Amino acid sequence: MKNGIFNVLLLIVLFLTACKNKELEPTKVQGINTGDEEIEISKLDVFLQNEMDSLKIPAISIAIINDGKIVYHRAIGVSNIETKEKIDENSIFEAASLSKPVFSFFALKMAEKSVVDLDRPLFFYLEDESMAIDDRYKSVTARMVLDHTTGFPNWRWFDPAPPEMNVQRGDFYMKAEPNTFTYSGEGYQYLARVLAHNNFVNMHELADLFKEDVASPLKMEHAYFVWDDFLYDHKVFGHKNNEVDSRSWGTGLPHQHSKILNAAGGLHTEAKSYAQFLIALMNEKGLSPSSFTQMFAEQVVLPKDHRFYLNENTKAWGLGIAIEEQNGNEYFKHGGNNGGFMSGFLINKKSKNGYVYFINCDKGKEFDKALRKLLVK
């Protein structure tokens, strides 16, 4: 009798395990639905290889989502063009600025827990001596960070002030008045410091909270904001100008390193894990309805002469995510560029279709343009 009960329990455990694993596997389909047509998987494979060959992309991790499910996933190419070591599904790429939507999700979760108020100036939580040169920074809120209206530069080291301001390279300055759209990694890092401070943790331990509140619940198997031993064997090399980039960790400021959470560009991941995050956005899982409403709302409308509007058709910004309208459809998107790594995603919440990719070279814009032409009708 005991053996019989044991066997039944074993079968239940095996069944549940199989179901859980099945959730993470791409759905078996014959084609990819673009809205107007269905593209055969074999055609997509040929497209991918042709683009990699023509653009000299060493490696790519890509996932395509149809109806809220991963229907196509590939991890192909080489980690390093010199060693020719092939990548696999566990190979990890720098997400670059695709870090920002994920961190924004985390920040909204913190707001729901009353760790931070989206509309309370961050100065009241934590002063920043390096920004004290301009009191206007004291009015900046978490909402302004997430929709890029802080007035901060992107990064003070790589976005120098105009000569007439007489600001030394590396010193903080205000690029514009607060409530003006100025895309800024600086702002995200300030908010990260505030969240660490308000949680009574350091910038390394903040990554543990991210894993607990975001990565684990959303089934992002590989999502690292700080160094993890898994990366020793699985992080791929970046490439610039068809040469291996020896830089080991993406940073925005000189003092940042692999033990400090870089909210703006430090996420390390791969396409299947990131696709799980995008599916959560499509299905509005993990945050309250109010948080999702704010995340996808037009928090700031971009001027029509802004380069994002002119070059990328970005009409507005939500909280951590860009908004585009094309052929009567609304899309949410983000791109990433860490030099030797580039990335991008595009989703349609209504149809629950989209894609995400990571490449280990500087040809992301060209690849994204070709991918959009194929998939976005």
Protein backbone atom coordinates (compact mmCIF):
# COMPACT_ATOMS: atom_id res chain seq x y z
CA MET A 1 0.00 0.00 0.00
CA LYS A 2 2.82 2.38 0.95
CA ASN A 3 4.60 1.62 -2.32
CA GLY A 4 1.42 2.39 -4.22
CA ILE A 5 1.02 5.79 -2.55
CA PHE A 6 4.71 6.52 -3.13
CA ASN A 7 4.39 5.72 -6.84
CA VAL A 8 1.34 7.97 -7.20
CA LEU A 9 3.15 10.85 -5.48
CA LEU A 10 6.19 10.30 -7.68
CA LEU A 11 4.05 10.45 -10.81
CA ILE A 12 2.46 13.71 -9.62
CA VAL A 13 5.86 15.28 -8.95
CA LEU A 14 7.17 14.21 -12.37
CA PHE A 15 4.04 15.56 -14.06
CA LEU A 16 4.28 18.95 -12.31
CA THR A 17 8.00 19.18 -13.10
CA ALA A 18 7.34 18.44 -16.76
CA CYS A 19 4.63 21.10 -16.87
CA LYS A 20 6.93 23.68 -15.27
CA ASN A 21 9.73 22.95 -17.73
CA LYS A 22 7.29 23.03 -20.62
CA GLU A 23 6.31 26.60 -19.68
CA LEU A 24 9.87 27.74 -20.28
CA GLU A 25 10.32 25.95 -23.60
CA PRO A 26 9.41 27.59 -26.91
CA THR A 27 6.02 26.50 -28.20
CA LYS A 28 6.32 24.08 -31.12
CA VAL A 29 4.97 25.94 -34.15
CA GLN A 30 5.43 25.84 -37.90
CA GLY A 31 5.54 29.58 -38.44
CA ILE A 32 5.72 33.05 -36.92
CA ASN A 33 2.62 35.26 -37.07
CA THR A 34 3.40 38.86 -38.04
CA GLY A 35 -0.22 39.99 -38.10
CA ASP A 36 -0.51 39.95 -41.89
CA GLU A 37 1.23 36.70 -42.69
CA GLU A 38 2.89 33.63 -41.24
CA ILE A 39 6.62 33.23 -41.77
CA GLU A 40 7.98 29.71 -41.87
CA ILE A 41 10.53 28.84 -39.21
CA SER A 42 12.98 27.73 -41.89
CA LYS A 43 12.71 31.13 -43.60
CA LEU A 44 13.46 32.87 -40.31
CA ASP A 45 16.48 30.65 -39.76
CA VAL A 46 17.80 31.57 -43.21
CA PHE A 47 17.14 35.28 -42.55
CA LEU A 48 19.03 35.11 -39.27
CA GLN A 49 22.06 33.42 -40.77
CA ASN A 50 22.12 35.82 -43.72
CA GLU A 51 22.02 38.86 -41.44
CA MET A 52 24.77 37.47 -39.23
CA ASP A 53 26.94 36.80 -42.26
CA SER A 54 26.34 40.15 -43.97
CA LEU A 55 26.69 42.26 -40.81
CA LYS A 56 29.48 40.09 -39.36
CA ILE A 57 27.57 39.48 -36.14
CA PRO A 58 29.59 36.97 -34.07
CA ALA A 59 26.68 35.70 -31.97
CA ILE A 60 23.03 36.34 -31.29
CA SER A 61 20.47 35.32 -28.69
CA ILE A 62 16.95 35.96 -29.96
CA ALA A 63 13.39 35.10 -28.97
CA ILE A 64 10.12 35.82 -30.76
CA ILE A 65 6.79 35.94 -28.92
CA ASN A 66 3.39 35.18 -30.44
CA ASP A 67 0.17 35.41 -28.42
CA GLY A 68 2.15 35.74 -25.19
CA LYS A 69 4.31 32.64 -25.76
CA ILE A 70 7.88 32.08 -26.92
CA VAL A 71 7.52 30.52 -30.37
CA TYR A 72 11.06 30.95 -31.66
CA HIS A 73 14.36 30.93 -29.81
CA ARG A 74 17.89 30.72 -31.13
CA ALA A 75 21.34 31.14 -29.60
CA ILE A 76 23.91 30.80 -32.39
CA GLY A 77 27.35 32.03 -33.32
CA VAL A 78 30.64 32.36 -31.47
CA SER A 79 31.53 34.01 -28.18
CA ASN A 80 34.88 35.21 -29.47
CA ILE A 81 35.89 35.58 -33.13
CA GLU A 82 39.46 34.65 -32.25
CA THR A 83 38.82 31.46 -30.26
CA LYS A 84 35.69 30.53 -32.31
CA GLU A 85 34.05 29.10 -29.18
CA LYS A 86 30.38 28.50 -29.96
CA ILE A 87 27.62 29.86 -27.75
CA ASP A 88 24.57 27.98 -26.49
CA GLU A 89 21.26 28.71 -24.80
CA ASN A 90 23.03 29.51 -21.52
CA SER A 91 25.40 32.07 -23.02
CA ILE A 92 25.07 35.48 -21.38
CA PHE A 93 25.14 38.89 -23.07
CA GLU A 94 25.27 42.43 -21.72
CA ALA A 95 21.73 43.80 -21.92
CA ALA A 96 22.99 47.41 -22.00
CA SER A 97 20.01 49.78 -21.73
CA LEU A 98 17.53 46.92 -21.83
CA SER A 99 18.43 46.99 -18.15
CA LYS A 100 16.26 50.08 -17.71
CA PRO A 101 12.78 48.55 -18.28
CA VAL A 102 13.63 45.69 -15.92
CA PHE A 103 14.95 48.05 -13.26
CA SER A 104 11.87 50.26 -13.72
CA PHE A 105 9.69 47.22 -12.99
CA PHE A 106 11.73 46.70 -9.82
CA ALA A 107 11.37 50.37 -8.84
CA LEU A 108 7.59 50.18 -9.30
CA LYS A 109 7.55 47.10 -7.09
CA MET A 110 9.46 49.11 -4.46
CA ALA A 111 6.90 51.92 -4.79
CA GLU A 112 4.10 49.41 -4.17
CA LYS A 113 5.90 48.39 -0.98
CA SER A 114 6.16 52.08 0.06
CA VAL A 115 9.96 51.94 -0.08
CA VAL A 116 9.89 54.98 -2.35
CA ASP A 117 7.22 57.46 -3.43
CA LEU A 118 7.29 58.04 -7.18
CA ASP A 119 6.58 61.75 -6.76
CA ARG A 120 8.67 62.62 -3.69
CA PRO A 121 12.02 64.27 -4.51
CA LEU A 122 14.83 61.75 -4.14
CA PHE A 123 16.85 64.42 -2.34
CA PHE A 124 14.64 63.95 0.72
CA TYR A 125 15.69 60.31 0.89
CA LEU A 126 19.35 60.67 -0.02
CA GLU A 127 21.48 63.70 -0.82
CA ASP A 128 24.17 63.41 -3.47
CA GLU A 129 27.21 65.56 -2.81
CA SER A 130 28.44 65.28 -6.39
CA MET A 131 25.18 66.86 -7.63
CA ALA A 132 25.07 69.62 -5.00
CA ILE A 133 26.75 71.98 -7.47
CA ASP A 134 23.27 72.57 -8.92
CA ASP A 135 20.29 72.74 -6.54
CA ARG A 136 17.89 71.88 -9.34
CA TYR A 137 18.72 68.21 -8.81
CA LYS A 138 16.82 68.44 -5.50
CA SER A 139 13.47 68.51 -7.33
CA VAL A 140 14.03 65.23 -9.20
CA THR A 141 11.66 62.35 -8.37
CA ALA A 142 11.62 58.63 -9.15
CA ARG A 143 8.95 59.23 -11.80
CA MET A 144 11.20 61.78 -13.50
CA VAL A 145 14.05 59.27 -13.48
CA LEU A 146 11.93 56.55 -15.07
CA ASP A 147 10.51 58.77 -17.83
CA HIS A 148 13.83 60.60 -18.42
CA THR A 149 12.76 64.09 -17.40
CA THR A 150 15.46 64.72 -14.77
CA GLY A 151 17.41 67.19 -16.87
CA PHE A 152 20.54 65.15 -16.11
CA PRO A 153 23.13 64.20 -18.74
CA ASN A 154 23.20 60.58 -19.85
CA TRP A 155 26.56 60.01 -18.14
CA ARG A 156 28.68 62.94 -17.03
CA TRP A 157 31.87 61.22 -18.24
CA PHE A 158 30.61 60.45 -21.74
CA ASP A 159 28.15 63.31 -22.25
CA PRO A 160 30.35 66.36 -21.58
CA ALA A 161 28.91 69.77 -20.79
CA PRO A 162 29.10 72.56 -23.39
CA PRO A 163 32.44 74.43 -23.20
CA GLU A 164 30.75 77.65 -22.11
CA MET A 165 29.63 75.98 -18.86
CA ASN A 166 33.27 75.53 -17.78
CA VAL A 167 32.52 72.12 -16.26
CA GLN A 168 35.41 69.70 -15.96
CA ARG A 169 34.93 66.25 -17.46
CA GLY A 170 33.50 63.96 -14.80
CA ASP A 171 31.83 66.74 -12.81
CA PHE A 172 28.05 66.73 -12.57
CA TYR A 173 25.99 69.33 -14.43
CA MET A 174 22.37 69.84 -15.42
CA LYS A 175 21.87 69.38 -19.14
CA ALA A 176 18.39 70.92 -19.06
CA GLU A 177 15.70 72.09 -16.69
CA PRO A 178 13.94 69.36 -14.67
CA ASN A 179 10.79 68.09 -16.42
CA THR A 180 12.60 68.28 -19.76
CA PHE A 181 13.16 65.02 -21.64
CA THR A 182 16.86 64.17 -21.36
CA TYR A 183 17.67 60.48 -21.64
CA SER A 184 19.82 59.75 -18.59
CA GLY A 185 21.58 56.75 -17.09
CA GLU A 186 22.75 59.07 -14.30
CA GLY A 187 19.18 59.37 -13.10
CA TYR A 188 18.66 55.63 -12.96
CA GLN A 189 21.81 55.19 -10.90
CA TYR A 190 20.74 57.89 -8.45
CA LEU A 191 17.40 56.11 -7.99
CA ALA A 192 19.23 52.81 -7.44
CA ARG A 193 21.28 54.41 -4.66
CA VAL A 194 18.08 55.69 -3.07
CA LEU A 195 16.47 52.23 -3.20
CA ALA A 196 19.55 50.69 -1.61
CA HIS A 197 19.54 53.37 1.09
CA ASN A 198 15.82 52.98 1.82
CA ASN A 199 16.15 49.19 2.00
CA PHE A 200 19.19 49.45 4.32
CA VAL A 201 21.37 47.45 1.92
CA ASN A 202 24.45 48.19 -0.18
CA MET A 203 24.53 48.33 -3.98
CA HIS A 204 25.52 44.68 -4.24
CA GLU A 205 22.78 43.48 -1.90
CA LEU A 206 20.24 45.48 -3.90
CA ALA A 207 20.74 42.93 -6.67
CA ASP A 208 19.56 40.21 -4.28
CA LEU A 209 16.33 42.13 -3.73
CA PHE A 210 15.91 42.44 -7.50
CA LYS A 211 16.27 38.68 -7.86
CA GLU A 212 13.75 38.07 -5.07
CA ASP A 213 11.15 40.58 -6.30
CA VAL A 214 11.55 40.38 -10.08
CA ALA A 215 13.82 37.74 -11.62
CA SER A 216 12.58 34.71 -9.65
CA PRO A 217 8.82 35.46 -9.76
CA LEU A 218 8.97 36.20 -13.51
CA LYS A 219 11.01 33.04 -14.24
CA MET A 220 13.98 34.96 -15.58
CA GLU A 221 16.41 32.09 -15.17
CA HIS A 222 19.44 34.16 -16.16
CA ALA A 223 19.30 37.80 -15.06
CA TYR A 224 22.29 39.24 -13.23
CA PHE A 225 22.87 42.88 -12.24
CA VAL A 226 26.12 42.02 -10.44
CA TRP A 227 28.79 39.41 -10.94
CA ASP A 228 27.74 35.78 -10.58
CA ASP A 229 30.07 32.77 -10.85
CA PHE A 230 27.87 31.44 -13.67
CA LEU A 231 29.28 34.23 -15.84
CA TYR A 232 32.83 32.86 -15.65
CA ASP A 233 31.98 30.17 -18.17
CA HIS A 234 28.98 31.68 -19.93
CA LYS A 235 29.49 35.39 -20.62
CA VAL A 236 30.35 36.05 -24.25
CA PHE A 237 32.88 38.61 -25.47
CA GLY A 238 31.86 41.92 -27.02
CA HIS A 239 33.19 43.09 -30.38
CA LYS A 240 33.75 46.54 -31.88
CA ASN A 241 34.88 47.20 -35.44
CA ASN A 242 35.17 43.44 -35.99
CA GLU A 243 37.67 43.11 -33.16
CA VAL A 244 37.34 41.51 -29.72
CA ASP A 245 36.62 44.03 -26.97
CA SER A 246 38.63 43.08 -23.87
CA ARG A 247 36.40 45.11 -21.53
CA SER A 248 34.96 42.70 -18.96
CA TRP A 249 32.04 44.70 -17.50
CA GLY A 250 29.85 47.50 -18.82
CA THR A 251 29.89 50.70 -16.72
CA GLY A 252 28.61 54.26 -16.96
CA LEU A 253 30.89 55.88 -14.39
CA PRO A 254 34.54 55.14 -13.58
CA HIS A 255 33.86 53.92 -10.04
CA GLN A 256 31.28 51.32 -11.14
CA HIS A 257 32.29 47.67 -11.33
CA SER A 258 30.83 44.17 -11.33
CA LYS A 259 29.97 44.22 -7.61
CA ILE A 260 27.80 47.35 -7.88
CA LEU A 261 24.33 47.25 -9.39
CA ASN A 262 24.27 49.42 -12.51
CA ALA A 263 20.57 50.12 -13.00
CA ALA A 264 20.97 51.76 -16.39
CA GLY A 265 23.12 49.23 -18.23
CA GLY A 266 24.46 46.47 -15.99
CA LEU A 267 21.99 43.64 -16.57
CA HIS A 268 23.49 40.42 -17.97
CA THR A 269 21.00 38.00 -19.51
CA GLU A 270 19.88 36.13 -22.64
CA ALA A 271 16.82 36.19 -24.87
CA LYS A 272 14.67 33.47 -23.31
CA SER A 273 15.00 34.94 -19.83
CA TYR A 274 14.25 38.46 -21.07
CA ALA A 275 11.29 37.17 -23.08
CA GLN A 276 9.79 35.93 -19.80
CA PHE A 277 9.93 39.53 -18.57
CA LEU A 278 8.24 40.80 -21.74
CA ILE A 279 5.50 38.18 -21.43
CA ALA A 280 4.88 39.41 -17.87
CA LEU A 281 4.48 42.94 -19.27
CA MET A 282 2.04 41.71 -21.91
CA ASN A 283 -0.02 39.79 -19.35
CA GLU A 284 0.40 42.44 -16.64
CA LYS A 285 1.80 40.01 -14.10
CA GLY A 286 3.94 40.96 -11.11
CA LEU A 287 2.69 44.50 -10.49
CA SER A 288 -0.63 46.09 -9.59
CA PRO A 289 -2.99 47.26 -12.35
CA SER A 290 -2.24 50.85 -11.32
CA SER A 291 1.51 50.36 -11.73
CA PHE A 292 1.06 48.87 -15.19
CA THR A 293 -1.26 51.71 -16.18
CA GLN A 294 1.43 54.22 -15.24
CA MET A 295 4.23 52.23 -16.84
CA PHE A 296 2.53 52.15 -20.25
CA ALA A 297 1.00 55.63 -20.13
CA GLU A 298 2.55 58.53 -22.04
CA GLN A 299 4.36 60.23 -19.17
CA VAL A 300 6.22 62.61 -21.49
CA VAL A 301 5.62 63.36 -25.18
CA LEU A 302 8.82 63.85 -27.16
CA PRO A 303 9.37 67.00 -29.22
CA LYS A 304 9.09 66.25 -32.93
CA ASP A 305 12.61 67.55 -33.52
CA HIS A 306 14.14 65.16 -30.99
CA ARG A 307 16.52 62.60 -32.47
CA PHE A 308 14.53 59.73 -30.92
CA TYR A 309 11.41 60.98 -32.70
CA LEU A 310 13.16 61.66 -36.01
CA ASN A 311 15.38 58.56 -36.15
CA GLU A 312 13.44 55.96 -34.18
CA ASN A 313 9.80 57.07 -34.46
CA THR A 314 9.57 57.31 -30.65
CA LYS A 315 6.60 59.52 -29.82
CA ALA A 316 6.59 59.30 -26.02
CA TRP A 317 8.05 57.64 -22.94
CA GLY A 318 6.30 55.73 -20.21
CA LEU A 319 7.99 54.58 -17.01
CA GLY A 320 11.12 52.82 -18.21
CA ILE A 321 9.80 52.12 -21.67
CA ALA A 322 9.55 53.93 -25.01
CA ILE A 323 6.32 54.22 -27.00
CA GLU A 324 5.93 54.12 -30.77
CA GLU A 325 2.92 54.21 -33.08
CA GLN A 326 3.10 52.57 -36.48
CA ASN A 327 0.35 51.69 -38.96
CA GLY A 328 -2.27 52.39 -36.30
CA ASN A 329 -0.63 50.03 -33.80
CA GLU A 330 1.00 51.02 -30.51
CA TYR A 331 4.32 49.40 -29.68
CA PHE A 332 6.49 49.46 -26.58
CA LYS A 333 10.22 49.16 -27.03
CA HIS A 334 13.75 49.79 -25.87
CA GLY A 335 17.22 49.54 -27.31
CA GLY A 336 20.61 49.01 -25.76
CA ASN A 337 24.18 49.88 -26.68
CA ASN A 338 27.22 49.13 -24.53
CA GLY A 339 29.65 49.49 -27.43
CA GLY A 340 30.60 45.85 -27.97
CA PHE A 341 27.08 44.67 -27.12
CA MET A 342 23.76 45.83 -28.56
CA SER A 343 20.19 44.75 -27.92
CA GLY A 344 16.56 45.59 -28.56
CA PHE A 345 12.96 44.59 -28.03
CA LEU A 346 9.60 45.53 -29.48
CA ILE A 347 6.21 44.35 -28.18
CA ASN A 348 2.57 44.88 -29.09
CA LYS A 349 0.52 44.47 -25.90
CA LYS A 350 -2.75 44.12 -27.80
CA SER A 351 -1.66 41.18 -29.97
CA LYS A 352 0.89 39.96 -27.39
CA ASN A 353 3.49 39.65 -30.14
CA GLY A 354 7.07 40.84 -29.99
CA TYR A 355 10.76 40.05 -30.11
CA VAL A 356 13.97 40.54 -28.16
CA TYR A 357 17.56 40.04 -29.23
CA PHE A 358 21.09 40.42 -27.90
CA ILE A 359 24.21 40.55 -30.07
CA ASN A 360 27.89 40.79 -29.13
CA CYS A 361 28.93 43.51 -31.57
CA ASP A 362 28.09 47.03 -32.71
CA LYS A 363 25.66 46.20 -35.54
CA GLY A 364 22.42 46.38 -33.58
CA LYS A 365 20.77 49.23 -35.50
CA GLU A 366 21.29 47.52 -38.83
CA PHE A 367 20.02 44.19 -37.51
CA ASP A 368 16.97 45.73 -35.84
CA LYS A 369 16.02 47.52 -39.05
CA ALA A 370 16.11 44.26 -41.01
CA LEU A 371 14.22 42.36 -38.29
CA ARG A 372 11.48 44.97 -38.14
CA LYS A 373 11.08 44.86 -41.92
CA LEU A 374 10.49 41.12 -41.67
CA LEU A 375 8.29 40.96 -38.57
CA VAL A 376 6.43 44.28 -38.21
CA LYS A 377 3.72 44.69 -40.82
